[in-house]
């Protein structure tokens, strides 16, 4: 399971908006000096079901299941490449029947199949968008808002 810590910025009904920042794994990455992502301050706001009744300012841990993440990764990265290669192979096989240039036909059919893959990805995205399996969720509260900020009574005790 993939987890990320963040701060609830807003709640409305049964929904909560959680702001997260880039992970600490960027600091440990060997390519961080050559990566433009390392120098940017990345903040993302994630909308989740407020199953823990978190309030604005609470620190929470947001989770995302691994299996759906792998499905999404496959659909976004591997599937288009498979269709591109299949299109190029199909273009090569039909070029001899059409008596056309093999490279040009492979290129055109490969790009056509790749474009079809993008439309299929869009369709799958619309199917999966509202499925609970593909939604991030709250795991636990790590710190309530009242304990994050120092109140005047706490200052006197210090």
C-alpha atoms as a PDB file:
ATOM      1  CA  UNK A   1       0.000   0.000   0.000  1.00  0.00           C
ATOM      2  CA  UNK A   2       1.207   3.471  -0.896  1.00  0.00           C
ATOM      3  CA  UNK A   3       0.817   6.053   1.890  1.00  0.00           C
ATOM      4  CA  UNK A   4       1.338   9.772   2.121  1.00  0.00           C
ATOM      5  CA  UNK A   5       1.054  12.165   5.052  1.00  0.00           C
ATOM      6  CA  UNK A   6      -0.756  15.443   4.637  1.00  0.00           C
ATOM      7  CA  UNK A   7      -2.829  18.187   6.232  1.00  0.00           C
ATOM      8  CA  UNK A   8      -6.587  18.545   5.859  1.00  0.00           C
ATOM      9  CA  UNK A   9      -7.201  21.957   4.306  1.00  0.00           C
ATOM     10  CA  UNK A  10     -10.971  21.817   3.953  1.00  0.00           C
ATOM     11  CA  UNK A  11     -13.928  19.586   4.746  1.00  0.00           C
ATOM     12  CA  UNK A  12     -17.402  19.580   3.285  1.00  0.00           C
ATOM     13  CA  UNK A  13     -19.990  16.981   4.195  1.00  0.00           C
ATOM     14  CA  UNK A  14     -18.402  13.557   3.802  1.00  0.00           C
ATOM     15  CA  UNK A  15     -15.397  14.836   1.808  1.00  0.00           C
ATOM     16  CA  UNK A  16     -12.016  16.174   2.928  1.00  0.00           C
ATOM     17  CA  UNK A  17      -9.273  17.895   0.953  1.00  0.00           C
ATOM     18  CA  UNK A  18      -5.778  16.886   2.017  1.00  0.00           C
ATOM     19  CA  UNK A  19      -2.650  18.808   0.977  1.00  0.00           C
ATOM     20  CA  UNK A  20       0.477  16.680   0.633  1.00  0.00           C
ATOM     21  CA  UNK A  21       4.049  17.577  -0.312  1.00  0.00           C
ATOM     22  CA  UNK A  22       6.713  15.670  -2.210  1.00  0.00           C
ATOM     23  CA  UNK A  23       7.952  12.584  -0.497  1.00  0.00           C
ATOM     24  CA  UNK A  24      11.214  12.193   1.405  1.00  0.00           C
ATOM     25  CA  UNK A  25      12.244   9.577  -1.130  1.00  0.00           C
ATOM     26  CA  UNK A  26      13.266  12.455  -3.431  1.00  0.00           C
ATOM     27  CA  UNK A  27      16.001  13.370  -0.935  1.00  0.00           C
ATOM     28  CA  UNK A  28      17.392   9.817  -1.041  1.00  0.00           C
ATOM     29  CA  UNK A  29      17.262   9.557  -4.840  1.00  0.00           C
ATOM     30  CA  UNK A  30      20.629   9.399  -6.609  1.00  0.00           C
ATOM     31  CA  UNK A  31      19.318  11.426  -9.554  1.00  0.00           C
ATOM     32  CA  UNK A  32      17.990  14.297  -7.424  1.00  0.00           C
ATOM     33  CA  UNK A  33      20.681  16.740  -8.608  1.00  0.00           C
ATOM     34  CA  UNK A  34      19.795  16.234 -12.266  1.00  0.00           C
ATOM     35  CA  UNK A  35      16.043  16.040 -11.697  1.00  0.00           C
ATOM     36  CA  UNK A  36      13.990  19.202 -12.052  1.00  0.00           C
ATOM     37  CA  UNK A  37      11.350  17.743  -9.730  1.00  0.00           C
ATOM     38  CA  UNK A  38      13.738  17.907  -6.768  1.00  0.00           C
ATOM     39  CA  UNK A  39      14.026  21.701  -6.896  1.00  0.00           C
ATOM     40  CA  UNK A  40      10.275  22.305  -7.116  1.00  0.00           C
ATOM     41  CA  UNK A  41       8.077  22.486  -4.064  1.00  0.00           C
ATOM     42  CA  UNK A  42       5.376  20.031  -4.967  1.00  0.00           C
ATOM     43  CA  UNK A  43       2.076  20.314  -3.222  1.00  0.00           C
ATOM     44  CA  UNK A  44      -0.906  18.257  -4.245  1.00  0.00           C
ATOM     45  CA  UNK A  45      -4.427  18.454  -2.932  1.00  0.00           C
ATOM     46  CA  UNK A  46      -6.232  15.122  -2.766  1.00  0.00           C
ATOM     47  CA  UNK A  47      -9.970  14.791  -2.256  1.00  0.00           C
ATOM     48  CA  UNK A  48     -10.899  11.824  -0.052  1.00  0.00           C
ATOM     49  CA  UNK A  49     -13.886  10.466   1.822  1.00  0.00           C
ATOM     50  CA  UNK A  50     -13.721  11.858   5.349  1.00  0.00           C
ATOM     51  CA  UNK A  51     -14.139   8.481   7.084  1.00  0.00           C
ATOM     52  CA  UNK A  52     -12.211   9.642  10.173  1.00  0.00           C
ATOM     53  CA  UNK A  53     -14.216  12.849  10.702  1.00  0.00           C
ATOM     54  CA  UNK A  54     -11.042  14.874  10.307  1.00  0.00           C
ATOM     55  CA  UNK A  55     -11.292  18.640  10.508  1.00  0.00           C
ATOM     56  CA  UNK A  56      -9.346  21.419   8.844  1.00  0.00           C
ATOM     57  CA  UNK A  57      -5.749  21.510  10.118  1.00  0.00           C
ATOM     58  CA  UNK A  58      -5.591  17.843  11.146  1.00  0.00           C
ATOM     59  CA  UNK A  59      -2.572  15.821  10.028  1.00  0.00           C
ATOM     60  CA  UNK A  60      -3.638  12.568   8.379  1.00  0.00           C
ATOM     61  CA  UNK A  61      -2.193   9.624   6.500  1.00  0.00           C
ATOM     62  CA  UNK A  62      -3.754   8.997   3.093  1.00  0.00           C
ATOM     63  CA  UNK A  63      -3.503   5.542   1.521  1.00  0.00           C
ATOM     64  CA  UNK A  64      -3.806   4.126  -1.966  1.00  0.00           C
ATOM     65  CA  UNK A  65      -3.989   0.401  -2.667  1.00  0.00           C
ATOM     66  CA  UNK A  66      -1.149  -1.119  -4.694  1.00  0.00           C
ATOM     67  CA  UNK A  67      -3.190  -3.343  -7.033  1.00  0.00           C
ATOM     68  CA  UNK A  68      -5.204  -0.461  -8.552  1.00  0.00           C
ATOM     69  CA  UNK A  69      -2.001   1.581  -8.799  1.00  0.00           C
ATOM     70  CA  UNK A  70      -0.382  -1.222 -10.821  1.00  0.00           C
ATOM     71  CA  UNK A  71      -3.451  -1.427 -13.087  1.00  0.00           C
ATOM     72  CA  UNK A  72      -3.317   2.311 -13.711  1.00  0.00           C
ATOM     73  CA  UNK A  73       0.427   2.182 -14.363  1.00  0.00           C
ATOM     74  CA  UNK A  74      -0.008  -0.631 -16.874  1.00  0.00           C
ATOM     75  CA  UNK A  75      -2.830   1.158 -18.702  1.00  0.00           C
ATOM     76  CA  UNK A  76      -0.947   4.467 -18.852  1.00  0.00           C
ATOM     77  CA  UNK A  77       2.543   3.260 -19.747  1.00  0.00           C
ATOM     78  CA  UNK A  78       2.608  -0.294 -21.087  1.00  0.00           C
ATOM     79  CA  UNK A  79      -0.691  -0.525 -22.987  1.00  0.00           C
ATOM     80  CA  UNK A  80       0.085   2.338 -25.450  1.00  0.00           C
ATOM     81  CA  UNK A  81       3.512   0.851 -26.211  1.00  0.00           C
ATOM     82  CA  UNK A  82       1.968  -2.566 -26.885  1.00  0.00           C
ATOM     83  CA  UNK A  83      -0.547  -1.005 -29.271  1.00  0.00           C
ATOM     84  CA  UNK A  84       2.181   1.053 -30.950  1.00  0.00           C
ATOM     85  CA  UNK A  85       4.270  -2.078 -31.583  1.00  0.00           C
ATOM     86  CA  UNK A  86       1.201  -4.036 -32.716  1.00  0.00           C
ATOM     87  CA  UNK A  87       0.315  -1.197 -35.073  1.00  0.00           C
ATOM     88  CA  UNK A  88       3.806  -1.089 -36.539  1.00  0.00           C
ATOM     89  CA  UNK A  89       3.774  -4.873 -37.060  1.00  0.00           C
ATOM     90  CA  UNK A  90       0.320  -4.688 -38.630  1.00  0.00           C
ATOM     91  CA  UNK A  91       1.483  -1.857 -40.879  1.00  0.00           C
ATOM     92  CA  UNK A  92       4.441  -3.936 -41.988  1.00  0.00           C
ATOM     93  CA  UNK A  93       2.266  -6.936 -42.832  1.00  0.00           C
ATOM     94  CA  UNK A  94      -0.343  -4.941 -44.765  1.00  0.00           C
ATOM     95  CA  UNK A  95       2.243  -2.868 -46.652  1.00  0.00           C
ATOM     96  CA  UNK A  96       3.112  -5.838 -48.848  1.00  0.00           C
ATOM     97  CA  UNK A  97      -0.572  -6.363 -49.712  1.00  0.00           C
ATOM     98  CA  UNK A  98      -1.068  -2.668 -50.424  1.00  0.00           C
ATOM     99  CA  UNK A  99       2.236  -2.421 -52.268  1.00  0.00           C
ATOM    100  CA  UNK A 100       3.362   0.583 -50.186  1.00  0.00           C
ATOM    101  CA  UNK A 101       6.544   1.574 -48.402  1.00  0.00           C
ATOM    102  CA  UNK A 102       7.002  -0.675 -45.339  1.00  0.00           C
ATOM    103  CA  UNK A 103       8.430   2.061 -43.091  1.00  0.00           C
ATOM    104  CA  UNK A 104       5.786   4.645 -43.940  1.00  0.00           C
ATOM    105  CA  UNK A 105       2.903   2.194 -43.565  1.00  0.00           C
ATOM    106  CA  UNK A 106       4.300   0.899 -40.253  1.00  0.00           C
ATOM    107  CA  UNK A 107       4.659   4.459 -38.998  1.00  0.00           C
ATOM    108  CA  UNK A 108       1.122   5.482 -39.984  1.00  0.00           C
ATOM    109  CA  UNK A 109      -0.564   2.353 -38.616  1.00  0.00           C
ATOM    110  CA  UNK A 110       1.587   2.463 -35.456  1.00  0.00           C
ATOM    111  CA  UNK A 111       0.585   6.073 -34.783  1.00  0.00           C
ATOM    112  CA  UNK A 112      -3.052   5.166 -35.521  1.00  0.00           C
ATOM    113  CA  UNK A 113      -2.961   2.299 -32.998  1.00  0.00           C
ATOM    114  CA  UNK A 114      -1.227   4.537 -30.455  1.00  0.00           C
ATOM    115  CA  UNK A 115      -3.974   7.145 -30.897  1.00  0.00           C
ATOM    116  CA  UNK A 116      -6.606   4.440 -30.443  1.00  0.00           C
ATOM    117  CA  UNK A 117      -4.817   3.452 -27.207  1.00  0.00           C
ATOM    118  CA  UNK A 118      -5.179   7.027 -25.943  1.00  0.00           C
ATOM    119  CA  UNK A 119      -8.925   6.961 -26.603  1.00  0.00           C
ATOM    120  CA  UNK A 120      -9.201   3.586 -24.852  1.00  0.00           C
ATOM    121  CA  UNK A 121      -7.282   5.014 -21.873  1.00  0.00           C
ATOM    122  CA  UNK A 122      -9.712   7.944 -21.761  1.00  0.00           C
ATOM    123  CA  UNK A 123     -12.657   5.526 -21.810  1.00  0.00           C
ATOM    124  CA  UNK A 124     -11.144   3.361 -19.048  1.00  0.00           C
ATOM    125  CA  UNK A 125     -10.427   6.496 -17.009  1.00  0.00           C
ATOM    126  CA  UNK A 126     -14.101   7.428 -17.174  1.00  0.00           C
ATOM    127  CA  UNK A 127     -15.072   3.899 -16.084  1.00  0.00           C
ATOM    128  CA  UNK A 128     -12.626   3.784 -13.175  1.00  0.00           C
ATOM    129  CA  UNK A 129     -12.876   7.414 -12.001  1.00  0.00           C
ATOM    130  CA  UNK A 130     -15.632   6.871  -9.448  1.00  0.00           C
ATOM    131  CA  UNK A 131     -14.821   3.310  -8.397  1.00  0.00           C
ATOM    132  CA  UNK A 132     -13.917   3.160  -4.724  1.00  0.00           C
ATOM    133  CA  UNK A 133     -11.044   0.767  -5.515  1.00  0.00           C
ATOM    134  CA  UNK A 134      -9.219   3.559  -7.371  1.00  0.00           C
ATOM    135  CA  UNK A 135      -9.822   6.304  -4.783  1.00  0.00           C
ATOM    136  CA  UNK A 136      -7.341   7.354  -2.098  1.00  0.00           C
ATOM    137  CA  UNK A 137      -8.613   6.967   1.467  1.00  0.00           C
ATOM    138  CA  UNK A 138      -7.818   8.146   4.976  1.00  0.00           C
ATOM    139  CA  UNK A 139      -5.904   5.636   7.097  1.00  0.00           C
ATOM    140  CA  UNK A 140      -5.412   7.465  10.385  1.00  0.00           C
ATOM    141  CA  UNK A 141      -5.149  10.826  12.094  1.00  0.00           C
ATOM    142  CA  UNK A 142      -1.587  11.559  13.162  1.00  0.00           C
ATOM    143  CA  UNK A 143      -2.248  14.846  14.903  1.00  0.00           C
ATOM    144  CA  UNK A 144      -5.448  16.736  15.696  1.00  0.00           C
ATOM    145  CA  UNK A 145      -5.651  20.449  14.932  1.00  0.00           C
ATOM    146  CA  UNK A 146      -5.851  21.370  18.626  1.00  0.00           C
ATOM    147  CA  UNK A 147      -2.477  19.731  19.327  1.00  0.00           C
ATOM    148  CA  UNK A 148      -0.762  21.368  16.355  1.00  0.00           C
ATOM    149  CA  UNK A 149      -1.205  24.916  17.577  1.00  0.00           C
ATOM    150  CA  UNK A 150      -0.069  26.203  20.925  1.00  0.00           C
ATOM    151  CA  UNK A 151      -2.878  27.850  22.898  1.00  0.00           C
ATOM    152  CA  UNK A 152      -2.413  30.619  25.443  1.00  0.00           C
ATOM    153  CA  UNK A 153      -2.970  28.186  28.333  1.00  0.00           C
ATOM    154  CA  UNK A 154      -0.209  25.923  26.960  1.00  0.00           C
ATOM    155  CA  UNK A 155       2.206  28.851  26.771  1.00  0.00           C
ATOM    156  CA  UNK A 156       1.847  29.542  30.474  1.00  0.00           C
ATOM    157  CA  UNK A 157       2.562  25.922  31.323  1.00  0.00           C
ATOM    158  CA  UNK A 158       5.812  26.039  29.372  1.00  0.00           C
END
